[in-house]
């Protein structure tokens, strides 16, 4: 069972690395310092579409904890540049 988990994790990491390399090549000539918020949503790997989540709480954009974690992970993976040292 542990071997299966390790193989699955290794495959997922490989897929992520391939996608990250592709995104890096796409955004190679974008001036990331010009992004005022420091986050460039298109630069991240998102498992959930961000379109419905605009910061305004409504009954149609309530999410489960799992969906929230996927949204957070996508934003965490989207930094164009970091204004906070050490992060």
Protein backbone atom coordinates (compact mmCIF):
# COMPACT_ATOMS: atom_id res chain seq x y z
CA UNK A 1 0.00 0.00 0.00
CA UNK A 2 2.80 2.44 0.85
CA UNK A 3 4.55 1.63 -2.42
CA UNK A 4 1.35 2.39 -4.34
CA UNK A 5 1.00 5.72 -2.53
CA UNK A 6 4.63 6.63 -3.27
CA UNK A 7 4.21 5.81 -6.97
CA UNK A 8 1.01 7.84 -7.18
CA UNK A 9 2.64 10.81 -5.47
CA UNK A 10 5.66 10.60 -7.78
CA UNK A 11 3.40 10.56 -10.86
CA UNK A 12 1.41 13.56 -9.57
CA UNK A 13 4.63 15.47 -8.89
CA UNK A 14 5.84 14.69 -12.41
CA UNK A 15 2.59 15.96 -13.95
CA UNK A 16 2.76 19.11 -11.79
CA UNK A 17 6.38 19.73 -12.83
CA UNK A 18 5.48 19.35 -16.52
CA UNK A 19 2.60 21.82 -16.18
CA UNK A 20 4.79 24.26 -14.22
CA UNK A 21 7.48 24.10 -16.94
CA UNK A 22 4.85 24.80 -19.60
CA UNK A 23 3.43 27.74 -17.64
CA UNK A 24 6.92 29.13 -17.05
CA UNK A 25 7.60 29.04 -20.80
CA UNK A 26 4.26 30.72 -21.57
CA UNK A 27 4.86 33.52 -19.06
CA UNK A 28 8.59 33.84 -19.75
CA UNK A 29 8.33 37.34 -21.24
CA UNK A 30 5.65 38.70 -18.91
CA UNK A 31 6.91 41.41 -16.56
CA UNK A 32 5.71 39.84 -13.33
CA UNK A 33 6.86 42.87 -11.31
CA UNK A 34 4.14 44.87 -13.10
CA UNK A 35 1.40 42.76 -11.47
CA UNK A 36 0.16 45.08 -8.69
CA UNK A 37 -1.26 42.37 -6.40
CA UNK A 38 1.64 39.97 -6.73
CA UNK A 39 -0.81 37.22 -7.75
CA UNK A 40 -1.37 36.24 -11.35
CA UNK A 41 -4.21 33.71 -11.38
CA UNK A 42 -3.38 32.47 -14.87
CA UNK A 43 0.14 31.56 -13.67
CA UNK A 44 -1.14 29.06 -11.07
CA UNK A 45 -2.27 25.47 -11.26
CA UNK A 46 -5.97 25.56 -10.38
CA UNK A 47 -8.24 22.60 -9.74
CA UNK A 48 -11.29 24.86 -9.27
CA UNK A 49 -12.44 27.72 -11.52
CA UNK A 50 -12.02 31.10 -9.81
CA UNK A 51 -14.71 32.93 -11.81
CA UNK A 52 -17.50 32.42 -9.26
CA UNK A 53 -15.47 33.58 -6.28
CA UNK A 54 -15.22 37.37 -6.26
CA UNK A 55 -15.01 37.93 -2.49
CA UNK A 56 -18.71 38.64 -2.05
CA UNK A 57 -20.48 36.01 0.04
CA UNK A 58 -23.68 34.74 -1.54
CA UNK A 59 -25.66 31.51 -1.35
CA UNK A 60 -24.35 30.49 -4.79
CA UNK A 61 -20.65 30.65 -3.92
CA UNK A 62 -20.69 28.73 -0.64
CA UNK A 63 -17.99 26.06 -0.77
CA UNK A 64 -17.05 22.96 1.15
CA UNK A 65 -13.77 22.78 3.02
CA UNK A 66 -12.25 20.63 0.26
CA UNK A 67 -13.19 23.18 -2.41
CA UNK A 68 -11.81 26.00 -0.26
CA UNK A 69 -8.53 24.13 0.16
CA UNK A 70 -8.30 23.64 -3.62
CA UNK A 71 -9.02 27.35 -4.18
CA UNK A 72 -6.36 28.30 -1.63
CA UNK A 73 -3.81 25.91 -3.14
CA UNK A 74 -4.42 27.41 -6.59
CA UNK A 75 -3.89 30.94 -5.32
CA UNK A 76 -0.84 29.84 -3.33
CA UNK A 77 0.60 28.49 -6.58
CA UNK A 78 -0.06 31.78 -8.43
CA UNK A 79 2.53 34.25 -7.17
CA UNK A 80 3.97 36.45 -9.89
CA UNK A 81 6.31 37.99 -7.31
CA UNK A 82 6.43 38.21 -3.55
CA UNK A 83 6.56 41.51 -1.69
CA UNK A 84 7.15 39.79 1.66
CA UNK A 85 10.73 38.74 2.35
CA UNK A 86 11.16 35.16 3.46
CA UNK A 87 8.05 33.79 1.77
